[in-house]
Amino acid sequence: MQFDDIEENQLPKHKLPRPEALNHYYGDTVRKLFVVSGIIMLASLPFFNTYLPVPAYISLFAVVVIALVSGFTNPMQRWATMLDILVSLIACVTFEYSSVVGYGIIPPALFWINQLLALLFFIALYYSTKSYRGILVGDYNTKQRRRIEKERRNSIQYRK
């Protein structure tokens, strides 16, 4: 959809073009993956708590942290995207390690839940990293564009 000949204030808010930095933002996807993972963890905890190597309050605290991090996720704060990357990385490694070490020892349902959670956090890690890369590229492009505009303004002033 082209917006070149239309003023931004004439467009409905949902039709405004996205800023360049948001073109590579996948935080909404990461947020959904975190919420789904938290729900799975919370729903399965009562059934498999005795098989976990940590007390129940640690597991509950982890679910709360995941919920908080998903709530902080937004495109305007670089630290929130870095936090998404960190939580995704730790959770992916933790759940996959639990699956590998517990294979044949833990109940099959817990094995598959751990595998599913590792996969969800792996996908969240991928999208978090893509979002962070988009922020970095957007920052670089913005700086380059400002530099070019400044040079252009300076060259126009010298012509007058």
Foldseek 3Di string as FASTA:
>chain_A
DDCPVPDQVVDDPVPHDDQQLCVQADLVVLLVLLLVLLVLLVVCCVVCVVVDPDHPVVSVVLSVVSNVLSVPDDLPDLVSLVVLLVNLVVLLVVLVVCLVVCPVPGDPVSNVSSVVSNVSSVVSNVSSVSSNVSNVVSVVVVVVVVVVVVVVVVVVVVVD
